[in-house]
Amino acid sequence: MKKLMMLLKESYLLVKKHKFYFLLPLLICLAFLALLAFHIGPGIVISFIYAGV
């Protein structure tokens, strides 16, 4: 969890420093999807891969 917080902090600092404000919603969505996949577990993700979705 510590690494995730550090990654989010570094991403925010990158956006703030270089004025890439259009990346902020993308980063938030990717972080949400990563947390959702971690919470649900790999079983559902693997079933989507095998289904070809």
PDB file of N, CA and C in Angstrom:
ATOM      1  N   MET A   1       0.824  -1.185   0.000  1.00  0.00           N
ATOM      2  CA  MET A   1       0.000   0.000   0.000  1.00  0.00           C
ATOM      3  C   MET A   1       0.875   1.258   0.000  1.00  0.00           C
ATOM      4  N   LYS A   2       2.035   1.147   0.636  1.00  0.00           N
ATOM      5  CA  LYS A   2       2.945   2.279   0.696  1.00  0.00           C
ATOM      6  C   LYS A   2       3.467   2.638  -0.701  1.00  0.00           C
ATOM      7  N   LYS A   3       3.736   1.604  -1.502  1.00  0.00           N
ATOM      8  CA  LYS A   3       4.226   1.833  -2.863  1.00  0.00           C
ATOM      9  C   LYS A   3       3.145   2.468  -3.730  1.00  0.00           C
ATOM     10  N   LEU A   4       1.905   2.069  -3.528  1.00  0.00           N
ATOM     11  CA  LEU A   4       0.798   2.645  -4.293  1.00  0.00           C
ATOM     12  C   LEU A   4       0.634   4.131  -3.983  1.00  0.00           C
ATOM     13  N   MET A   5       0.726   4.472  -2.712  1.00  0.00           N
ATOM     14  CA  MET A   5       0.607   5.879  -2.333  1.00  0.00           C
ATOM     15  C   MET A   5       1.771   6.697  -2.893  1.00  0.00           C
ATOM     16  N   MET A   6       2.959   6.115  -2.905  1.00  0.00           N
ATOM     17  CA  MET A   6       4.118   6.810  -3.457  1.00  0.00           C
ATOM     18  C   MET A   6       3.955   7.006  -4.965  1.00  0.00           C
ATOM     19  N   LEU A   7       3.410   5.998  -5.639  1.00  0.00           N
ATOM     20  CA  LEU A   7       3.174   6.091  -7.079  1.00  0.00           C
ATOM     21  C   LEU A   7       2.145   7.168  -7.400  1.00  0.00           C
ATOM     22  N   LEU A   8       1.072   7.228  -6.624  1.00  0.00           N
ATOM     23  CA  LEU A   8       0.060   8.254  -6.839  1.00  0.00           C
ATOM     24  C   LEU A   8       0.605   9.652  -6.564  1.00  0.00           C
ATOM     25  N   LYS A   9       1.434   9.767  -5.534  1.00  0.00           N
ATOM     26  CA  LYS A   9       2.029  11.056  -5.214  1.00  0.00           C
ATOM     27  C   LYS A   9       2.963  11.517  -6.332  1.00  0.00           C
ATOM     28  N   GLU A  10       3.788  10.619  -6.840  1.00  0.00           N
ATOM     29  CA  GLU A  10       4.708  10.960  -7.924  1.00  0.00           C
ATOM     30  C   GLU A  10       3.950  11.319  -9.203  1.00  0.00           C
ATOM     31  N   SER A  11       2.855  10.616  -9.463  1.00  0.00           N
ATOM     32  CA  SER A  11       2.046  10.925 -10.647  1.00  0.00           C
ATOM     33  C   SER A  11       1.425  12.310 -10.518  1.00  0.00           C
ATOM     34  N   TYR A  12       0.946  12.635  -9.335  1.00  0.00           N
ATOM     35  CA  TYR A  12       0.362  13.954  -9.112  1.00  0.00           C
ATOM     36  C   TYR A  12       1.415  15.053  -9.276  1.00  0.00           C
ATOM     37  N   LEU A  13       2.597  14.822  -8.751  1.00  0.00           N
ATOM     38  CA  LEU A  13       3.658  15.818  -8.887  1.00  0.00           C
ATOM     39  C   LEU A  13       4.077  15.998 -10.343  1.00  0.00           C
ATOM     40  N   LEU A  14       4.086  14.923 -11.124  1.00  0.00           N
ATOM     41  CA  LEU A  14       4.396  15.014 -12.548  1.00  0.00           C
ATOM     42  C   LEU A  14       3.357  15.857 -13.276  1.00  0.00           C
ATOM     43  N   VAL A  15       2.088  15.602 -12.979  1.00  0.00           N
ATOM     44  CA  VAL A  15       1.009  16.363 -13.611  1.00  0.00           C
ATOM     45  C   VAL A  15       1.097  17.833 -13.223  1.00  0.00           C
ATOM     46  N   LYS A  16       1.365  18.090 -11.965  1.00  0.00           N
ATOM     47  CA  LYS A  16       1.423  19.465 -11.475  1.00  0.00           C
ATOM     48  C   LYS A  16       2.627  20.218 -12.057  1.00  0.00           C
ATOM     49  N   LYS A  17       3.770  19.552 -12.140  1.00  0.00           N
ATOM     50  CA  LYS A  17       4.987  20.214 -12.604  1.00  0.00           C
ATOM     51  C   LYS A  17       4.928  20.552 -14.084  1.00  0.00           C
ATOM     52  N   HIS A  18       4.461  19.606 -14.901  1.00  0.00           N
ATOM     53  CA  HIS A  18       4.471  19.783 -16.351  1.00  0.00           C
ATOM     54  C   HIS A  18       3.142  20.263 -16.919  1.00  0.00           C
ATOM     55  N   LYS A  19       2.182  20.558 -16.036  1.00  0.00           N
ATOM     56  CA  LYS A  19       0.867  21.082 -16.429  1.00  0.00           C
ATOM     57  C   LYS A  19       0.123  20.127 -17.372  1.00  0.00           C
ATOM     58  N   PHE A  20       0.188  18.839 -17.085  1.00  0.00           N
ATOM     59  CA  PHE A  20      -0.530  17.824 -17.862  1.00  0.00           C
ATOM     60  C   PHE A  20      -1.868  17.526 -17.184  1.00  0.00           C
ATOM     61  N   TYR A  21      -2.708  18.540 -17.078  1.00  0.00           N
ATOM     62  CA  TYR A  21      -3.959  18.370 -16.341  1.00  0.00           C
ATOM     63  C   TYR A  21      -4.944  17.447 -17.058  1.00  0.00           C
ATOM     64  N   PHE A  22      -4.762  17.255 -18.354  1.00  0.00           N
ATOM     65  CA  PHE A  22      -5.641  16.338 -19.077  1.00  0.00           C
ATOM     66  C   PHE A  22      -5.365  14.886 -18.702  1.00  0.00           C
ATOM     67  N   LEU A  23      -4.213  14.597 -18.103  1.00  0.00           N
ATOM     68  CA  LEU A  23      -3.892  13.226 -17.695  1.00  0.00           C
ATOM     69  C   LEU A  23      -4.503  12.847 -16.350  1.00  0.00           C
ATOM     70  N   LEU A  24      -4.905  13.836 -15.576  1.00  0.00           N
ATOM     71  CA  LEU A  24      -5.410  13.567 -14.236  1.00  0.00           C
ATOM     72  C   LEU A  24      -6.642  12.650 -14.227  1.00  0.00           C
ATOM     73  N   PRO A  25      -7.671  12.879 -15.058  1.00  0.00           N
ATOM     74  CA  PRO A  25      -8.803  11.935 -15.062  1.00  0.00           C
ATOM     75  C   PRO A  25      -8.406  10.533 -15.506  1.00  0.00           C
ATOM     76  N   LEU A  26      -7.473  10.441 -16.438  1.00  0.00           N
ATOM     77  CA  LEU A  26      -7.003   9.129 -16.890  1.00  0.00           C
ATOM     78  C   LEU A  26      -6.294   8.390 -15.762  1.00  0.00           C
ATOM     79  N   LEU A  27      -5.453   9.077 -15.033  1.00  0.00           N
ATOM     80  CA  LEU A  27      -4.747   8.453 -13.919  1.00  0.00           C
ATOM     81  C   LEU A  27      -5.713   8.025 -12.817  1.00  0.00           C
ATOM     82  N   ILE A  28      -6.725   8.826 -12.568  1.00  0.00           N
ATOM     83  CA  ILE A  28      -7.713   8.466 -11.548  1.00  0.00           C
ATOM     84  C   ILE A  28      -8.495   7.222 -11.964  1.00  0.00           C
ATOM     85  N   CYS A  29      -8.884   7.161 -13.235  1.00  0.00           N
ATOM     86  CA  CYS A  29      -9.612   5.988 -13.733  1.00  0.00           C
ATOM     87  C   CYS A  29      -8.750   4.735 -13.682  1.00  0.00           C
ATOM     88  N   LEU A  30      -7.494   4.853 -14.060  1.00  0.00           N
ATOM     89  CA  LEU A  30      -6.602   3.691 -14.015  1.00  0.00           C
ATOM     90  C   LEU A  30      -6.364   3.229 -12.582  1.00  0.00           C
ATOM     91  N   ALA A  31      -6.231   4.158 -11.656  1.00  0.00           N
ATOM     92  CA  ALA A  31      -6.055   3.790 -10.252  1.00  0.00           C
ATOM     93  C   ALA A  31      -7.309   3.089  -9.717  1.00  0.00           C
ATOM     94  N   PHE A  32      -8.480   3.585 -10.101  1.00  0.00           N
ATOM     95  CA  PHE A  32      -9.727   2.954  -9.671  1.00  0.00           C
ATOM     96  C   PHE A  32      -9.856   1.539 -10.231  1.00  0.00           C
ATOM     97  N   LEU A  33      -9.527   1.364 -11.510  1.00  0.00           N
ATOM     98  CA  LEU A  33      -9.594   0.033 -12.108  1.00  0.00           C
ATOM     99  C   LEU A  33      -8.595  -0.923 -11.478  1.00  0.00           C
ATOM    100  N   ALA A  34      -7.412  -0.434 -11.137  1.00  0.00           N
ATOM    101  CA  ALA A  34      -6.416  -1.283 -10.489  1.00  0.00           C
ATOM    102  C   ALA A  34      -6.890  -1.727  -9.107  1.00  0.00           C
ATOM    103  N   LEU A  35      -7.458  -0.790  -8.352  1.00  0.00           N
ATOM    104  CA  LEU A  35      -7.977  -1.154  -7.033  1.00  0.00           C
ATOM    105  C   LEU A  35      -9.157  -2.109  -7.140  1.00  0.00           C
ATOM    106  N   LEU A  36     -10.002  -1.908  -8.130  1.00  0.00           N
ATOM    107  CA  LEU A  36     -11.141  -2.798  -8.329  1.00  0.00           C
ATOM    108  C   LEU A  36     -10.683  -4.200  -8.700  1.00  0.00           C
ATOM    109  N   ALA A  37      -9.710  -4.301  -9.593  1.00  0.00           N
ATOM    110  CA  ALA A  37      -9.193  -5.611  -9.988  1.00  0.00           C
ATOM    111  C   ALA A  37      -8.504  -6.298  -8.812  1.00  0.00           C
ATOM    112  N   PHE A  38      -7.816  -5.534  -7.984  1.00  0.00           N
ATOM    113  CA  PHE A  38      -7.164  -6.105  -6.809  1.00  0.00           C
ATOM    114  C   PHE A  38      -8.193  -6.588  -5.796  1.00  0.00           C
ATOM    115  N   HIS A  39      -9.264  -5.837  -5.627  1.00  0.00           N
ATOM    116  CA  HIS A  39     -10.290  -6.192  -4.646  1.00  0.00           C
ATOM    117  C   HIS A  39     -11.103  -7.407  -5.102  1.00  0.00           C
ATOM    118  N   ILE A  40     -11.470  -7.444  -6.377  1.00  0.00           N
ATOM    119  CA  ILE A  40     -12.280  -8.545  -6.884  1.00  0.00           C
ATOM    120  C   ILE A  40     -11.478  -9.844  -6.935  1.00  0.00           C
ATOM    121  N   GLY A  41     -10.239  -9.731  -7.345  1.00  0.00           N
ATOM    122  CA  GLY A  41      -9.385 -10.905  -7.407  1.00  0.00           C
ATOM    123  C   GLY A  41      -9.084 -11.290  -8.836  1.00  0.00           C
ATOM    124  N   PRO A  42      -8.086 -12.104  -9.001  1.00  0.00           N
ATOM    125  CA  PRO A  42      -7.648 -12.462 -10.355  1.00  0.00           C
ATOM    126  C   PRO A  42      -8.582 -13.430 -11.076  1.00  0.00           C
ATOM    127  N   GLY A  43      -9.473 -14.086 -10.365  1.00  0.00           N
ATOM    128  CA  GLY A  43     -10.347 -15.078 -10.995  1.00  0.00           C
ATOM    129  C   GLY A  43     -11.251 -14.494 -12.051  1.00  0.00           C
ATOM    130  N   ILE A  44     -11.840 -13.362 -11.784  1.00  0.00           N
ATOM    131  CA  ILE A  44     -12.749 -12.728 -12.728  1.00  0.00           C
ATOM    132  C   ILE A  44     -11.964 -12.146 -13.903  1.00  0.00           C
ATOM    133  N   VAL A  45     -10.794 -11.589 -13.611  1.00  0.00           N
ATOM    134  CA  VAL A  45      -9.974 -11.014 -14.681  1.00  0.00           C
ATOM    135  C   VAL A  45      -9.528 -12.117 -15.651  1.00  0.00           C
ATOM    136  N   ILE A  46      -9.155 -13.264 -15.121  1.00  0.00           N
ATOM    137  CA  ILE A  46      -8.724 -14.371 -15.978  1.00  0.00           C
ATOM    138  C   ILE A  46      -9.895 -14.878 -16.824  1.00  0.00           C
ATOM    139  N   SER A  47     -11.091 -14.902 -16.287  1.00  0.00           N
ATOM    140  CA  SER A  47     -12.240 -15.347 -17.080  1.00  0.00           C
ATOM    141  C   SER A  47     -12.519 -14.404 -18.252  1.00  0.00           C
ATOM    142  N   PHE A  48     -12.294 -13.098 -18.077  1.00  0.00           N
ATOM    143  CA  PHE A  48     -12.457 -12.176 -19.181  1.00  0.00           C
ATOM    144  C   PHE A  48     -11.374 -12.379 -20.231  1.00  0.00           C
ATOM    145  N   ILE A  49     -10.168 -12.697 -19.807  1.00  0.00           N
ATOM    146  CA  ILE A  49      -9.089 -12.934 -20.770  1.00  0.00           C
ATOM    147  C   ILE A  49      -9.394 -14.179 -21.598  1.00  0.00           C
ATOM    148  N   TYR A  50      -9.859 -15.253 -20.957  1.00  0.00           N
ATOM    149  CA  TYR A  50     -10.173 -16.474 -21.680  1.00  0.00           C
ATOM    150  C   TYR A  50     -11.387 -16.295 -22.601  1.00  0.00           C
ATOM    151  N   ALA A  51     -12.304 -15.410 -22.233  1.00  0.00           N
ATOM    152  CA  ALA A  51     -13.481 -15.185 -23.066  1.00  0.00           C
ATOM    153  C   ALA A  51     -13.161 -14.338 -24.301  1.00  0.00           C
ATOM    154  N   GLY A  52     -12.019 -13.679 -24.289  1.00  0.00           N
ATOM    155  CA  GLY A  52     -11.614 -12.879 -25.438  1.00  0.00           C
ATOM    156  C   GLY A  52     -12.197 -11.489 -25.442  1.00  0.00           C
ATOM    157  N   VAL A  53     -12.619 -11.016 -24.287  1.00  0.00           N
ATOM    158  CA  VAL A  53     -13.193  -9.676 -24.200  1.00  0.00           C
ATOM    159  C   VAL A  53     -12.096  -8.651 -24.147  1.00  0.00           C
TER     160      VAL A  53
END
